[in-house]
PDB file of all heavy atoms in Angstrom:
ATOM      1  N   ALA A   1     -62.710  14.255  29.685  1.00  0.00           N
ATOM      2  CA  ALA A   1     -61.302  14.436  30.026  1.00  0.00           C
ATOM      3  C   ALA A   1     -60.415  13.375  29.390  1.00  0.00           C
ATOM      4  O   ALA A   1     -59.290  13.655  28.975  1.00  0.00           O
ATOM      5  CB  ALA A   1     -61.133  14.427  31.546  1.00  0.00           C
ATOM      6  N   ASP A   2     -60.936  12.143  29.298  1.00  0.00           N
ATOM      7  CA  ASP A   2     -60.138  11.036  28.746  1.00  0.00           C
ATOM      8  C   ASP A   2     -60.580  10.653  27.337  1.00  0.00           C
ATOM      9  O   ASP A   2     -60.443   9.507  26.915  1.00  0.00           O
ATOM     10  CB  ASP A   2     -60.224   9.810  29.657  1.00  0.00           C
ATOM     11  CG  ASP A   2     -61.657   9.340  29.881  1.00  0.00           C
ATOM     12  OD1 ASP A   2     -62.591  10.081  29.486  1.00  0.00           O
ATOM     13  OD2 ASP A   2     -61.851   8.246  30.455  1.00  0.00           O
ATOM     14  N   VAL A   3     -61.096  11.622  26.589  1.00  0.00           N
ATOM     15  CA  VAL A   3     -61.566  11.363  25.224  1.00  0.00           C
ATOM     16  C   VAL A   3     -60.450  10.787  24.360  1.00  0.00           C
ATOM     17  O   VAL A   3     -59.263  11.075  24.568  1.00  0.00           O
ATOM     18  CB  VAL A   3     -62.112  12.663  24.600  1.00  0.00           C
ATOM     19  CG1 VAL A   3     -61.006  13.702  24.443  1.00  0.00           C
ATOM     20  CG2 VAL A   3     -62.795  12.406  23.259  1.00  0.00           C
ATOM     21  N   GLN A   4     -60.840   9.962  23.377  1.00  0.00           N
ATOM     22  CA  GLN A   4     -59.898   9.401  22.420  1.00  0.00           C
ATOM     23  C   GLN A   4     -60.288   9.819  21.009  1.00  0.00           C
ATOM     24  O   GLN A   4     -61.475   9.846  20.669  1.00  0.00           O
ATOM     25  CB  GLN A   4     -59.883   7.874  22.479  1.00  0.00           C
ATOM     26  CG  GLN A   4     -59.378   7.295  23.772  1.00  0.00           C
ATOM     27  CD  GLN A   4     -59.297   5.779  23.710  1.00  0.00           C
ATOM     28  OE1 GLN A   4     -59.583   5.168  22.688  1.00  0.00           O
ATOM     29  NE2 GLN A   4     -58.890   5.169  24.798  1.00  0.00           N
ATOM     30  N   LEU A   5     -59.291  10.145  20.206  1.00  0.00           N
ATOM     31  CA  LEU A   5     -59.486  10.409  18.776  1.00  0.00           C
ATOM     32  C   LEU A   5     -58.784   9.297  18.011  1.00  0.00           C
ATOM     33  O   LEU A   5     -57.565   9.120  18.136  1.00  0.00           O
ATOM     34  CB  LEU A   5     -58.895  11.772  18.404  1.00  0.00           C
ATOM     35  CG  LEU A   5     -58.829  12.114  16.907  1.00  0.00           C
ATOM     36  CD1 LEU A   5     -60.219  12.151  16.288  1.00  0.00           C
ATOM     37  CD2 LEU A   5     -58.111  13.449  16.703  1.00  0.00           C
ATOM     38  N   VAL A   6     -59.556   8.538  17.235  1.00  0.00           N
ATOM     39  CA  VAL A   6     -59.019   7.383  16.519  1.00  0.00           C
ATOM     40  C   VAL A   6     -59.287   7.563  15.031  1.00  0.00           C
ATOM     41  O   VAL A   6     -60.429   7.830  14.626  1.00  0.00           O
ATOM     42  CB  VAL A   6     -59.668   6.072  17.003  1.00  0.00           C
ATOM     43  CG1 VAL A   6     -59.032   4.875  16.307  1.00  0.00           C
ATOM     44  CG2 VAL A   6     -59.562   5.933  18.512  1.00  0.00           C
ATOM     45  N   GLY A   7     -58.256   7.393  14.211  1.00  0.00           N
ATOM     46  CA  GLY A   7     -58.409   7.465  12.763  1.00  0.00           C
ATOM     47  C   GLY A   7     -58.049   6.147  12.105  1.00  0.00           C
ATOM     48  O   GLY A   7     -57.094   5.487  12.516  1.00  0.00           O
ATOM     49  N   ASP A   8     -58.823   5.750  11.115  1.00  0.00           N
ATOM     50  CA  ASP A   8     -58.579   4.507  10.377  1.00  0.00           C
ATOM     51  C   ASP A   8     -58.401   4.848   8.907  1.00  0.00           C
ATOM     52  O   ASP A   8     -59.365   5.113   8.188  1.00  0.00           O
ATOM     53  CB  ASP A   8     -59.751   3.549  10.575  1.00  0.00           C
ATOM     54  CG  ASP A   8     -59.615   2.251   9.775  1.00  0.00           C
ATOM     55  OD1 ASP A   8     -58.698   2.160   8.940  1.00  0.00           O
ATOM     56  OD2 ASP A   8     -60.435   1.340   9.971  1.00  0.00           O
ATOM     57  N   GLY A   9     -57.121   4.838   8.471  1.00  0.00           N
ATOM     58  CA  GLY A   9     -56.821   5.045   7.060  1.00  0.00           C
ATOM     59  C   GLY A   9     -56.293   3.799   6.394  1.00  0.00           C
ATOM     60  O   GLY A   9     -56.183   3.741   5.167  1.00  0.00           O
ATOM     61  N   GLY A  10     -55.937   2.801   7.205  1.00  0.00           N
ATOM     62  CA  GLY A  10     -55.456   1.535   6.662  1.00  0.00           C
ATOM     63  C   GLY A  10     -54.207   1.641   5.804  1.00  0.00           C
ATOM     64  O   GLY A  10     -53.936   0.755   4.990  1.00  0.00           O
ATOM     65  N   GLY A  11     -53.467   2.737   5.958  1.00  0.00           N
ATOM     66  CA  GLY A  11     -52.296   2.938   5.122  1.00  0.00           C
ATOM     67  C   GLY A  11     -52.622   3.384   3.709  1.00  0.00           C
ATOM     68  O   GLY A  11     -51.731   3.496   2.863  1.00  0.00           O
ATOM     69  N   LYS A  12     -53.913   3.662   3.448  1.00  0.00           N
ATOM     70  CA  LYS A  12     -54.338   4.026   2.096  1.00  0.00           C
ATOM     71  C   LYS A  12     -54.852   5.458   1.998  1.00  0.00           C
ATOM     72  O   LYS A  12     -55.387   5.866   0.971  1.00  0.00           O
ATOM     73  CB  LYS A  12     -55.416   3.049   1.627  1.00  0.00           C
ATOM     74  CG  LYS A  12     -54.916   1.602   1.590  1.00  0.00           C
ATOM     75  CD  LYS A  12     -55.954   0.658   1.044  1.00  0.00           C
ATOM     76  CE  LYS A  12     -55.383  -0.769   0.980  1.00  0.00           C
ATOM     77  NZ  LYS A  12     -56.342  -1.717   0.385  1.00  0.00           N
ATOM     78  N   ALA A  13     -54.715   6.207   3.094  1.00  0.00           N
ATOM     79  CA  ALA A  13     -55.119   7.610   3.121  1.00  0.00           C
ATOM     80  C   ALA A  13     -54.338   8.289   4.227  1.00  0.00           C
ATOM     81  O   ALA A  13     -53.876   7.618   5.162  1.00  0.00           O
ATOM     82  CB  ALA A  13     -56.632   7.726   3.379  1.00  0.00           C
ATOM     83  N   PRO A  14     -54.164   9.609   4.160  1.00  0.00           N
ATOM     84  CA  PRO A  14     -53.469  10.305   5.252  1.00  0.00           C
ATOM     85  C   PRO A  14     -54.212  10.069   6.559  1.00  0.00           C
ATOM     86  O   PRO A  14     -55.447  10.140   6.609  1.00  0.00           O
ATOM     87  CB  PRO A  14     -53.550  11.781   4.832  1.00  0.00           C
ATOM     88  CG  PRO A  14     -53.850  11.756   3.374  1.00  0.00           C
ATOM     89  CD  PRO A  14     -54.628  10.525   3.115  1.00  0.00           C
ATOM     90  N   GLN A  15     -53.496   9.755   7.625  1.00  0.00           N
ATOM     91  CA  GLN A  15     -54.170   9.430   8.871  1.00  0.00           C
ATOM     92  C   GLN A  15     -53.287   9.793  10.046  1.00  0.00           C
ATOM     93  O   GLN A  15     -52.107  10.113   9.893  1.00  0.00           O
ATOM     94  CB  GLN A  15     -54.492   7.940   8.938  1.00  0.00           C
ATOM     95  CG  GLN A  15     -53.247   7.049   9.030  1.00  0.00           C
ATOM     96  CD  GLN A  15     -53.576   5.567   8.986  1.00  0.00           C
ATOM     97  OE1 GLN A  15     -53.791   5.023   7.919  1.00  0.00           O
ATOM     98  NE2 GLN A  15     -53.627   4.945  10.143  1.00  0.00           N
ATOM     99  N   LEU A  16     -53.892   9.738  11.239  1.00  0.00           N
ATOM    100  CA  LEU A  16     -53.126   9.969  12.449  1.00  0.00           C
ATOM    101  C   LEU A  16     -52.139   8.827  12.639  1.00  0.00           C
ATOM    102  O   LEU A  16     -52.451   7.672  12.378  1.00  0.00           O
ATOM    103  CB  LEU A  16     -54.065  10.028  13.663  1.00  0.00           C
ATOM    104  CG  LEU A  16     -55.109  11.148  13.657  1.00  0.00           C
ATOM    105  CD1 LEU A  16     -56.061  10.961  14.823  1.00  0.00           C
ATOM    106  CD2 LEU A  16     -54.440  12.505  13.740  1.00  0.00           C
ATOM    107  N   ALA A  17     -50.948   9.171  13.091  1.00  0.00           N
ATOM    108  CA  ALA A  17     -49.948   8.131  13.321  1.00  0.00           C
ATOM    109  C   ALA A  17     -50.345   7.228  14.478  1.00  0.00           C
ATOM    110  O   ALA A  17     -49.979   6.065  14.538  1.00  0.00           O
ATOM    111  CB  ALA A  17     -48.595   8.769  13.600  1.00  0.00           C
ATOM    112  N   ARG A  18     -51.130   7.788  15.416  1.00  0.00           N
ATOM    113  CA  ARG A  18     -51.545   7.002  16.575  1.00  0.00           C
ATOM    114  C   ARG A  18     -52.817   7.607  17.152  1.00  0.00           C
ATOM    115  O   ARG A  18     -53.215   8.715  16.786  1.00  0.00           O
ATOM    116  CB  ARG A  18     -50.445   7.000  17.635  1.00  0.00           C
ATOM    117  CG  ARG A  18     -49.992   8.387  18.039  1.00  0.00           C
ATOM    118  CD  ARG A  18     -48.829   8.374  19.006  1.00  0.00           C
ATOM    119  NE  ARG A  18     -48.305   9.721  19.244  1.00  0.00           N
ATOM    120  CZ  ARG A  18     -48.858  10.625  20.046  1.00  0.00           C
ATOM    121  NH1 ARG A  18     -49.989  10.328  20.676  1.00  0.00           N
ATOM    122  NH2 ARG A  18     -48.311  11.815  20.208  1.00  0.00           N
ATOM    123  N   THR A  19     -53.427   6.896  18.066  1.00  0.00           N
ATOM    124  CA  THR A  19     -54.600   7.417  18.756  1.00  0.00           C
ATOM    125  C   THR A  19     -54.190   8.583  19.653  1.00  0.00           C
ATOM    126  O   THR A  19     -53.164   8.539  20.320  1.00  0.00           O
ATOM    127  CB  THR A  19     -55.239   6.312  19.613  1.00  0.00           C
ATOM    128  OG1 THR A  19     -55.640   5.239  18.758  1.00  0.00           O
ATOM    129  CG2 THR A  19     -56.459   6.831  20.356  1.00  0.00           C
ATOM    130  N   VAL A  20     -55.017   9.634  19.655  1.00  0.00           N
ATOM    131  CA  VAL A  20     -54.762  10.816  20.481  1.00  0.00           C
ATOM    132  C   VAL A  20     -55.659  10.746  21.714  1.00  0.00           C
ATOM    133  O   VAL A  20     -56.860  10.478  21.604  1.00  0.00           O
ATOM    134  CB  VAL A  20     -55.027  12.109  19.691  1.00  0.00           C
ATOM    135  CG1 VAL A  20     -54.728  13.340  20.554  1.00  0.00           C
ATOM    136  CG2 VAL A  20     -54.186  12.133  18.414  1.00  0.00           C
ATOM    137  N   HIS A  21     -55.081  10.999  22.895  1.00  0.00           N
ATOM    138  CA  HIS A  21     -55.816  10.897  24.153  1.00  0.00           C
ATOM    139  C   HIS A  21     -55.867  12.257  24.850  1.00  0.00           C
ATOM    140  O   HIS A  21     -54.907  13.035  24.798  1.00  0.00           O
ATOM    141  CB  HIS A  21     -55.132   9.892  25.094  1.00  0.00           C
ATOM    142  CG  HIS A  21     -55.066   8.496  24.557  1.00  0.00           C
ATOM    143  ND1 HIS A  21     -56.033   7.549  24.811  1.00  0.00           N
ATOM    144  CD2 HIS A  21     -54.147   7.897  23.776  1.00  0.00           C
ATOM    145  CE1 HIS A  21     -55.695   6.414  24.216  1.00  0.00           C
ATOM    146  NE2 HIS A  21     -54.561   6.598  23.580  1.00  0.00           N
ATOM    147  N   GLY A  22     -56.977  12.507  25.546  1.00  0.00           N
ATOM    148  CA  GLY A  22     -57.085  13.693  26.393  1.00  0.00           C
ATOM    149  C   GLY A  22     -57.755  14.857  25.709  1.00  0.00           C
ATOM    150  O   GLY A  22     -57.547  15.107  24.522  1.00  0.00           O
ATOM    151  N   ALA A  23     -58.583  15.583  26.476  1.00  0.00           N
ATOM    152  CA  ALA A  23     -59.400  16.651  25.906  1.00  0.00           C
ATOM    153  C   ALA A  23     -58.570  17.747  25.251  1.00  0.00           C
ATOM    154  O   ALA A  23     -58.888  18.217  24.153  1.00  0.00           O
ATOM    155  CB  ALA A  23     -60.297  17.251  26.995  1.00  0.00           C
ATOM    156  N   ASP A  24     -57.501  18.181  25.902  1.00  0.00           N
ATOM    157  CA  ASP A  24     -56.716  19.284  25.343  1.00  0.00           C
ATOM    158  C   ASP A  24     -56.033  18.883  24.043  1.00  0.00           C
ATOM    159  O   ASP A  24     -56.091  19.612  23.043  1.00  0.00           O
ATOM    160  CB  ASP A  24     -55.671  19.758  26.358  1.00  0.00           C
ATOM    161  CG  ASP A  24     -54.931  21.001  25.872  1.00  0.00           C
ATOM    162  OD1 ASP A  24     -55.584  22.051  25.724  1.00  0.00           O
ATOM    163  OD2 ASP A  24     -53.722  20.894  25.615  1.00  0.00           O
ATOM    164  N   LYS A  25     -55.384  17.709  24.034  1.00  0.00           N
ATOM    165  CA  LYS A  25     -54.683  17.260  22.829  1.00  0.00           C
ATOM    166  C   LYS A  25     -55.658  17.010  21.680  1.00  0.00           C
ATOM    167  O   LYS A  25     -55.399  17.407  20.531  1.00  0.00           O
ATOM    168  CB  LYS A  25     -53.882  16.000  23.130  1.00  0.00           C
ATOM    169  CG  LYS A  25     -52.653  16.228  23.993  1.00  0.00           C
ATOM    170  CD  LYS A  25     -51.868  14.936  24.195  1.00  0.00           C
ATOM    171  CE  LYS A  25     -50.630  15.181  25.033  1.00  0.00           C
ATOM    172  NZ  LYS A  25     -49.875  13.917  25.257  1.00  0.00           N
ATOM    173  N   VAL A  26     -56.774  16.354  21.980  1.00  0.00           N
ATOM    174  CA  VAL A  26     -57.756  16.066  20.923  1.00  0.00           C
ATOM    175  C   VAL A  26     -58.325  17.361  20.373  1.00  0.00           C
ATOM    176  O   VAL A  26     -58.469  17.531  19.151  1.00  0.00           O
ATOM    177  CB  VAL A  26     -58.871  15.142  21.455  1.00  0.00           C
ATOM    178  CG1 VAL A  26     -60.011  15.045  20.441  1.00  0.00           C
ATOM    179  CG2 VAL A  26     -58.313  13.747  21.751  1.00  0.00           C
ATOM    180  N   ALA A  27     -58.677  18.290  21.252  1.00  0.00           N
ATOM    181  CA  ALA A  27     -59.234  19.571  20.797  1.00  0.00           C
ATOM    182  C   ALA A  27     -58.262  20.293  19.874  1.00  0.00           C
ATOM    183  O   ALA A  27     -58.657  20.854  18.843  1.00  0.00           O
ATOM    184  CB  ALA A  27     -59.584  20.440  21.998  1.00  0.00           C
ATOM    185  N   ARG A  28     -56.990  20.274  20.221  1.00  0.00           N
ATOM    186  CA  ARG A  28     -55.987  20.958  19.396  1.00  0.00           C
ATOM    187  C   ARG A  28     -55.823  20.289  18.032  1.00  0.00           C
ATOM    188  O   ARG A  28     -55.715  20.969  17.008  1.00  0.00           O
ATOM    189  CB  ARG A  28     -54.641  21.008  20.130  1.00  0.00           C
ATOM    190  CG  ARG A  28     -54.636  21.939  21.330  1.00  0.00           C
ATOM    191  CD  ARG A  28     -53.283  21.983  22.012  1.00  0.00           C
ATOM    192  NE  ARG A  28     -53.311  22.837  23.186  1.00  0.00           N
ATOM    193  CZ  ARG A  28     -53.218  24.161  23.148  1.00  0.00           C
ATOM    194  NH1 ARG A  28     -53.050  24.779  21.974  1.00  0.00           N
ATOM    195  NH2 ARG A  28     -53.268  24.865  24.257  1.00  0.00           N
ATOM    196  N   VAL A  29     -55.793  18.955  18.013  1.00  0.00           N
ATOM    197  CA  VAL A  29     -55.657  18.239  16.742  1.00  0.00           C
ATOM    198  C   VAL A  29     -56.857  18.516  15.842  1.00  0.00           C
ATOM    199  O   VAL A  29     -56.717  18.802  14.642  1.00  0.00           O
ATOM    200  CB  VAL A  29     -55.501  16.727  16.989  1.00  0.00           C
ATOM    201  CG1 VAL A  29     -55.620  15.952  15.673  1.00  0.00           C
ATOM    202  CG2 VAL A  29     -54.153  16.426  17.642  1.00  0.00           C
ATOM    203  N   VAL A  30     -58.050  18.457  16.404  1.00  0.00           N
ATOM    204  CA  VAL A  30     -59.270  18.679  15.619  1.00  0.00           C
ATOM    205  C   VAL A  30     -59.337  20.129  15.130  1.00  0.00           C
ATOM    206  O   VAL A  30     -59.650  20.395  13.959  1.00  0.00           O
ATOM    207  CB  VAL A  30     -60.511  18.322  16.460  1.00  0.00           C
ATOM    208  CG1 VAL A  30     -61.791  18.767  15.759  1.00  0.00           C
ATOM    209  CG2 VAL A  30     -60.568  16.818  16.730  1.00  0.00           C
ATOM    210  N   ALA A  31     -59.041  21.071  16.025  1.00  0.00           N
ATOM    211  CA  ALA A  31     -59.129  22.490  15.657  1.00  0.00           C
ATOM    212  C   ALA A  31     -58.102  22.855  14.592  1.00  0.00           C
ATOM    213  O   ALA A  31     -58.315  23.779  13.798  1.00  0.00           O
ATOM    214  CB  ALA A  31     -58.928  23.361  16.902  1.00  0.00           C
ATOM    215  N   ARG A  32     -56.972  22.151  14.563  1.00  0.00           N
ATOM    216  CA  ARG A  32     -55.928  22.441  13.571  1.00  0.00           C
ATOM    217  C   ARG A  32     -56.217  21.809  12.208  1.00  0.00           C
ATOM    218  O   ARG A  32     -55.935  22.412  11.162  1.00  0.00           O
ATOM    219  CB  ARG A  32     -54.582  21.929  14.093  1.00  0.00           C
ATOM    220  CG  ARG A  32     -53.425  22.204  13.146  1.00  0.00           C
ATOM    221  CD  ARG A  32     -52.093  21.801  13.746  1.00  0.00           C
ATOM    222  NE  ARG A  32     -51.976  20.345  13.918  1.00  0.00           N
ATOM    223  CZ  ARG A  32     -51.968  19.726  15.093  1.00  0.00           C
ATOM    224  NH1 ARG A  32     -52.068  20.416  16.228  1.00  0.00           N
ATOM    225  NH2 ARG A  32     -51.844  18.417  15.170  1.00  0.00           N
ATOM    226  N   ASN A  33     -56.802  20.626  12.207  1.00  0.00           N
ATOM    227  CA  ASN A  33     -56.893  19.850  10.966  1.00  0.00           C
ATOM    228  C   ASN A  33     -58.189  20.016  10.179  1.00  0.00           C
ATOM    229  O   ASN A  33     -58.184  19.822   8.955  1.00  0.00           O
ATOM    230  CB  ASN A  33     -56.684  18.363  11.272  1.00  0.00           C
ATOM    231  CG  ASN A  33     -55.243  18.035  11.580  1.00  0.00           C
ATOM    232  OD1 ASN A  33     -54.405  17.954  10.698  1.00  0.00           O
ATOM    233  ND2 ASN A  33     -54.926  17.870  12.863  1.00  0.00           N
ATOM    234  N   PHE A  34     -59.293  20.378  10.835  1.00  0.00           N
ATOM    235  CA  PHE A  34     -60.553  20.400  10.099  1.00  0.00           C
ATOM    236  C   PHE A  34     -60.860  21.717   9.383  1.00  0.00           C
ATOM    237  O   PHE A  34     -61.339  21.692   8.239  1.00  0.00           O
ATOM    238  CB  PHE A  34     -61.710  20.012  11.016  1.00  0.00           C
ATOM    239  CG  PHE A  34     -61.844  18.520  11.180  1.00  0.00           C
ATOM    240  CD1 PHE A  34     -61.249  17.873  12.233  1.00  0.00           C
ATOM    241  CD2 PHE A  34     -62.550  17.770  10.251  1.00  0.00           C
ATOM    242  CE1 PHE A  34     -61.340  16.496  12.378  1.00  0.00           C
ATOM    243  CE2 PHE A  34     -62.656  16.392  10.376  1.00  0.00           C
ATOM    244  CZ  PHE A  34     -62.048  15.750  11.453  1.00  0.00           C
ATOM    245  N   PRO A  35     -60.624  22.902   9.968  1.00  0.00           N
ATOM    246  CA  PRO A  35     -60.966  24.138   9.246  1.00  0.00           C
ATOM    247  C   PRO A  35     -60.379  24.244   7.849  1.00  0.00           C
ATOM    248  O   PRO A  35     -61.076  24.706   6.916  1.00  0.00           O
ATOM    249  CB  PRO A  35     -60.435  25.236  10.189  1.00  0.00           C
ATOM    250  CG  PRO A  35     -60.559  24.631  11.544  1.00  0.00           C
ATOM    251  CD  PRO A  35     -60.188  23.182  11.351  1.00  0.00           C
ATOM    252  N   PRO A  36     -59.117  23.828   7.602  1.00  0.00           N
ATOM    253  CA  PRO A  36     -58.611  23.917   6.218  1.00  0.00           C
ATOM    254  C   PRO A  36     -59.407  23.089   5.220  1.00  0.00           C
ATOM    255  O   PRO A  36     -59.485  23.439   4.039  1.00  0.00           O
ATOM    256  CB  PRO A  36     -57.169  23.388   6.349  1.00  0.00           C
ATOM    257  CG  PRO A  36     -56.788  23.631   7.771  1.00  0.00           C
ATOM    258  CD  PRO A  36     -58.046  23.408   8.546  1.00  0.00           C
ATOM    259  N   LEU A  37     -60.017  21.989   5.687  1.00  0.00           N
ATOM    260  CA  LEU A  37     -60.835  21.177   4.786  1.00  0.00           C
ATOM    261  C   LEU A  37     -62.070  21.948   4.343  1.00  0.00           C
ATOM    262  O   LEU A  37     -62.460  21.913   3.168  1.00  0.00           O
ATOM    263  CB  LEU A  37     -61.256  19.877   5.470  1.00  0.00           C
ATOM    264  CG  LEU A  37     -60.138  18.886   5.821  1.00  0.00           C
ATOM    265  CD1 LEU A  37     -60.720  17.686   6.562  1.00  0.00           C
ATOM    266  CD2 LEU A  37     -59.411  18.417   4.561  1.00  0.00           C
TER     267      LEU A  37
END
């Protein structure tokens, strides 16, 4: 329920603007961003 999604791009790659918290928000971010890859 309190899962965190953390990305580290160091300003040198496209990355999340901030850490994402919560199962619903994380699931939506992951489901939206990975299939196109």
